[in-house]
Amino acid sequence: MLKATLGFRKIKEDVDNFSIKGMIEPTFYNFGDENVRVLHSVIKPGESFLAGVANMVMDNDVPVVFEGTNKQGRNLMCYFGSMVQNC
């Protein structure tokens, strides 16, 4: 059995290569006021995007690009699991 902890990262600006390395099932939630693109998929305010593969540890980076100019309204959260150990 695998053990994992839940973590998160807050993103408030464009990132060409946001690392999801070591993350299990990273899911991006847009709590902001404008659309944001993750891996070229549009996430509207109030929506989410699962960027991982079920039960797999990711090993790559993804682009994050906010649409619009309202920097105060940017609030993207990435929630993910991190493997602790094998049981």
N, C-alpha and C. Protein backbone atom coordinates (compact mmCIF):
# COMPACT_ATOMS: atom_id res chain seq x y z
N MET A 1 0.84 -1.18 0.00
CA MET A 1 0.00 0.00 0.00
C MET A 1 0.89 1.24 0.00
N LEU A 2 0.46 2.24 -0.73
CA LEU A 2 1.18 3.51 -0.77
C LEU A 2 0.62 4.47 0.25
N LYS A 3 1.48 5.34 0.77
CA LYS A 3 1.07 6.41 1.67
C LYS A 3 1.41 7.73 1.02
N ALA A 4 0.50 8.71 1.20
CA ALA A 4 0.74 10.02 0.61
C ALA A 4 0.25 11.11 1.56
N THR A 5 0.79 12.30 1.36
CA THR A 5 0.29 13.47 2.07
C THR A 5 -0.32 14.41 1.03
N LEU A 6 -1.26 15.25 1.47
CA LEU A 6 -1.90 16.20 0.58
C LEU A 6 -1.19 17.54 0.69
N GLY A 7 -0.87 18.12 -0.45
CA GLY A 7 -0.20 19.41 -0.47
C GLY A 7 -0.87 20.35 -1.45
N PHE A 8 -0.42 21.60 -1.47
CA PHE A 8 -0.96 22.56 -2.42
C PHE A 8 0.09 23.61 -2.74
N ARG A 9 -0.11 24.26 -3.90
CA ARG A 9 0.73 25.40 -4.30
C ARG A 9 -0.20 26.45 -4.87
N LYS A 10 0.01 27.69 -4.48
CA LYS A 10 -0.78 28.81 -4.97
C LYS A 10 -0.02 29.48 -6.10
N ILE A 11 -0.72 29.77 -7.21
CA ILE A 11 -0.10 30.38 -8.38
C ILE A 11 -0.84 31.68 -8.67
N LYS A 12 -0.08 32.78 -8.77
CA LYS A 12 -0.69 34.09 -9.02
C LYS A 12 -0.06 34.81 -10.21
N GLU A 13 0.81 34.10 -10.95
CA GLU A 13 1.42 34.71 -12.13
C GLU A 13 1.73 33.63 -13.16
N ASP A 14 1.96 34.05 -14.39
CA ASP A 14 2.29 33.11 -15.46
C ASP A 14 3.57 32.35 -15.12
N VAL A 15 3.57 31.06 -15.45
CA VAL A 15 4.73 30.21 -15.24
C VAL A 15 4.92 29.37 -16.50
N ASP A 16 6.05 29.54 -17.18
CA ASP A 16 6.31 28.77 -18.40
C ASP A 16 6.44 27.29 -18.13
N ASN A 17 7.07 26.94 -17.01
CA ASN A 17 7.34 25.54 -16.68
C ASN A 17 7.01 25.27 -15.22
N PHE A 18 5.71 25.20 -14.90
CA PHE A 18 5.30 24.89 -13.53
C PHE A 18 5.53 23.40 -13.31
N SER A 19 6.37 23.07 -12.33
CA SER A 19 6.74 21.68 -12.10
C SER A 19 5.65 20.91 -11.36
N ILE A 20 5.24 19.79 -11.96
CA ILE A 20 4.34 18.87 -11.26
C ILE A 20 5.08 17.56 -10.96
N LYS A 21 6.40 17.63 -11.03
CA LYS A 21 7.23 16.45 -10.75
C LYS A 21 7.01 15.98 -9.31
N GLY A 22 6.78 14.69 -9.16
CA GLY A 22 6.58 14.11 -7.84
C GLY A 22 5.15 14.22 -7.34
N MET A 23 4.27 14.88 -8.08
CA MET A 23 2.87 15.05 -7.66
C MET A 23 2.02 13.87 -8.12
N ILE A 24 1.07 13.48 -7.27
CA ILE A 24 0.10 12.45 -7.61
C ILE A 24 -1.23 13.14 -7.86
N GLU A 25 -1.78 12.95 -9.04
CA GLU A 25 -3.07 13.51 -9.45
C GLU A 25 -3.19 15.00 -9.17
N PRO A 26 -2.27 15.83 -9.67
CA PRO A 26 -2.40 17.27 -9.45
C PRO A 26 -3.69 17.81 -10.08
N THR A 27 -4.42 18.59 -9.31
CA THR A 27 -5.67 19.17 -9.78
C THR A 27 -5.63 20.67 -9.55
N PHE A 28 -5.89 21.44 -10.60
CA PHE A 28 -5.84 22.89 -10.54
C PHE A 28 -7.25 23.44 -10.36
N TYR A 29 -7.44 24.32 -9.39
CA TYR A 29 -8.72 24.97 -9.12
C TYR A 29 -8.55 26.46 -9.34
N ASN A 30 -9.44 27.05 -10.14
CA ASN A 30 -9.39 28.47 -10.41
C ASN A 30 -10.35 29.20 -9.46
N PHE A 31 -9.80 29.78 -8.40
CA PHE A 31 -10.58 30.57 -7.45
C PHE A 31 -10.54 32.05 -7.81
N GLY A 32 -9.96 32.38 -8.94
CA GLY A 32 -9.78 33.77 -9.35
C GLY A 32 -10.95 34.32 -10.15
N ASP A 33 -10.70 35.48 -10.76
CA ASP A 33 -11.73 36.22 -11.50
C ASP A 33 -11.56 36.14 -13.01
N GLU A 34 -10.51 35.48 -13.49
CA GLU A 34 -10.29 35.42 -14.94
C GLU A 34 -9.87 34.01 -15.34
N ASN A 35 -10.01 33.72 -16.63
CA ASN A 35 -9.62 32.40 -17.15
C ASN A 35 -8.12 32.21 -17.01
N VAL A 36 -7.72 30.95 -16.89
CA VAL A 36 -6.30 30.61 -16.86
C VAL A 36 -6.12 29.32 -17.68
N ARG A 37 -5.02 29.24 -18.40
CA ARG A 37 -4.72 28.06 -19.20
C ARG A 37 -3.63 27.24 -18.51
N VAL A 38 -3.91 25.95 -18.35
CA VAL A 38 -2.93 25.00 -17.82
C VAL A 38 -2.79 23.91 -18.85
N LEU A 39 -1.59 23.71 -19.33
CA LEU A 39 -1.35 22.70 -20.37
C LEU A 39 -2.30 22.94 -21.56
N HIS A 40 -2.51 24.21 -21.88
CA HIS A 40 -3.33 24.66 -23.01
C HIS A 40 -4.82 24.38 -22.85
N SER A 41 -5.26 24.01 -21.63
CA SER A 41 -6.68 23.82 -21.34
C SER A 41 -7.18 25.01 -20.54
N VAL A 42 -8.31 25.59 -20.96
CA VAL A 42 -8.85 26.77 -20.27
C VAL A 42 -9.60 26.33 -19.02
N ILE A 43 -9.25 26.97 -17.89
CA ILE A 43 -9.97 26.76 -16.63
C ILE A 43 -10.68 28.07 -16.30
N LYS A 44 -12.00 28.06 -16.36
CA LYS A 44 -12.78 29.25 -16.07
C LYS A 44 -12.88 29.43 -14.54
N PRO A 45 -13.18 30.66 -14.09
CA PRO A 45 -13.37 30.87 -12.65
C PRO A 45 -14.40 29.89 -12.08
N GLY A 46 -14.05 29.26 -10.96
CA GLY A 46 -14.93 28.29 -10.32
C GLY A 46 -14.80 26.88 -10.84
N GLU A 47 -13.94 26.66 -11.84
CA GLU A 47 -13.78 25.33 -12.42
C GLU A 47 -12.43 24.72 -12.03
N SER A 48 -12.27 23.42 -12.32
CA SER A 48 -11.03 22.72 -12.00
C SER A 48 -10.56 21.92 -13.21
N PHE A 49 -9.30 21.47 -13.14
CA PHE A 49 -8.69 20.68 -14.21
C PHE A 49 -7.75 19.66 -13.59
N LEU A 50 -8.02 18.37 -13.82
CA LEU A 50 -7.15 17.30 -13.36
C LEU A 50 -6.03 17.13 -14.37
N ALA A 51 -4.80 17.44 -13.96
CA ALA A 51 -3.66 17.42 -14.88
C ALA A 51 -2.81 16.18 -14.74
N GLY A 52 -3.22 15.24 -13.93
CA GLY A 52 -2.40 14.06 -13.70
C GLY A 52 -3.03 12.80 -14.26
N VAL A 53 -2.39 11.70 -13.98
CA VAL A 53 -2.86 10.38 -14.37
C VAL A 53 -3.14 9.62 -13.08
N ALA A 54 -4.29 8.99 -12.97
CA ALA A 54 -4.70 8.30 -11.74
C ALA A 54 -3.62 7.33 -11.25
N ASN A 55 -3.30 7.46 -9.97
CA ASN A 55 -2.36 6.56 -9.28
C ASN A 55 -0.94 6.58 -9.83
N MET A 56 -0.58 7.65 -10.53
CA MET A 56 0.77 7.76 -11.08
C MET A 56 1.44 9.02 -10.54
N VAL A 57 2.75 8.94 -10.36
CA VAL A 57 3.54 10.11 -9.94
C VAL A 57 4.00 10.83 -11.20
N MET A 58 3.69 12.11 -11.28
CA MET A 58 4.01 12.89 -12.47
C MET A 58 5.50 13.23 -12.51
N ASP A 59 6.02 13.46 -13.73
CA ASP A 59 7.45 13.74 -13.91
C ASP A 59 7.67 14.77 -15.01
N ASN A 60 6.86 15.84 -15.02
CA ASN A 60 7.03 16.85 -16.06
C ASN A 60 6.61 18.23 -15.55
N ASP A 61 6.72 19.21 -16.44
CA ASP A 61 6.31 20.58 -16.17
C ASP A 61 5.14 20.92 -17.10
N VAL A 62 4.33 21.91 -16.69
CA VAL A 62 3.22 22.37 -17.52
C VAL A 62 3.22 23.90 -17.57
N PRO A 63 2.79 24.49 -18.69
CA PRO A 63 2.68 25.95 -18.74
C PRO A 63 1.40 26.42 -18.06
N VAL A 64 1.49 27.55 -17.35
CA VAL A 64 0.34 28.19 -16.72
C VAL A 64 0.30 29.63 -17.23
N VAL A 65 -0.80 30.00 -17.90
CA VAL A 65 -0.91 31.34 -18.48
C VAL A 65 -2.28 31.93 -18.12
N PHE A 66 -2.25 33.06 -17.43
CA PHE A 66 -3.48 33.76 -17.08
C PHE A 66 -3.93 34.61 -18.25
N GLU A 67 -5.26 34.66 -18.48
CA GLU A 67 -5.82 35.52 -19.51
C GLU A 67 -6.27 36.81 -18.84
N GLY A 68 -6.19 37.91 -19.52
CA GLY A 68 -6.61 39.18 -18.95
C GLY A 68 -5.47 39.88 -18.23
N THR A 69 -5.77 41.06 -17.70
CA THR A 69 -4.73 41.89 -17.09
C THR A 69 -4.95 42.15 -15.61
N ASN A 70 -6.02 41.61 -15.00
CA ASN A 70 -6.33 41.85 -13.60
C ASN A 70 -5.47 40.97 -12.70
N LYS A 71 -4.29 41.45 -12.35
CA LYS A 71 -3.37 40.65 -11.53
C LYS A 71 -3.92 40.41 -10.12
N GLN A 72 -4.78 41.29 -9.63
CA GLN A 72 -5.39 41.12 -8.30
C GLN A 72 -6.37 39.95 -8.28
N GLY A 73 -6.94 39.63 -9.44
CA GLY A 73 -7.95 38.57 -9.52
C GLY A 73 -7.39 37.20 -9.84
N ARG A 74 -6.08 37.04 -9.79
CA ARG A 74 -5.45 35.75 -10.10
C ARG A 74 -5.33 34.91 -8.84
N ASN A 75 -5.92 33.71 -8.87
CA ASN A 75 -5.86 32.83 -7.70
C ASN A 75 -6.08 31.40 -8.16
N LEU A 76 -5.00 30.75 -8.59
CA LEU A 76 -5.04 29.37 -9.04
C LEU A 76 -4.36 28.50 -7.99
N MET A 77 -5.05 27.46 -7.57
CA MET A 77 -4.48 26.53 -6.58
C MET A 77 -4.26 25.18 -7.25
N CYS A 78 -3.15 24.56 -6.92
CA CYS A 78 -2.85 23.20 -7.37
C CYS A 78 -2.78 22.31 -6.14
N TYR A 79 -3.71 21.37 -6.02
CA TYR A 79 -3.72 20.39 -4.93
C TYR A 79 -3.19 19.08 -5.48
N PHE A 80 -2.42 18.36 -4.66
CA PHE A 80 -1.78 17.14 -5.14
C PHE A 80 -1.39 16.25 -3.99
N GLY A 81 -1.18 14.99 -4.28
CA GLY A 81 -0.64 14.05 -3.33
C GLY A 81 0.85 13.91 -3.53
N SER A 82 1.56 13.65 -2.45
CA SER A 82 3.00 13.37 -2.49
C SER A 82 3.25 12.05 -1.77
N MET A 83 3.94 11.13 -2.44
CA MET A 83 4.19 9.83 -1.84
C MET A 83 5.12 9.96 -0.64
N VAL A 84 4.77 9.26 0.44
CA VAL A 84 5.58 9.26 1.66
C VAL A 84 6.45 8.02 1.70
N GLN A 85 5.82 6.86 1.57
CA GLN A 85 6.56 5.61 1.67
C GLN A 85 5.70 4.45 1.21
N ASN A 86 6.31 3.32 0.96
CA ASN A 86 5.57 2.09 0.70
C ASN A 86 5.29 1.40 2.02
N CYS A 87 4.11 0.82 2.16
CA CYS A 87 3.76 0.10 3.39
C CYS A 87 3.73 -1.39 3.14
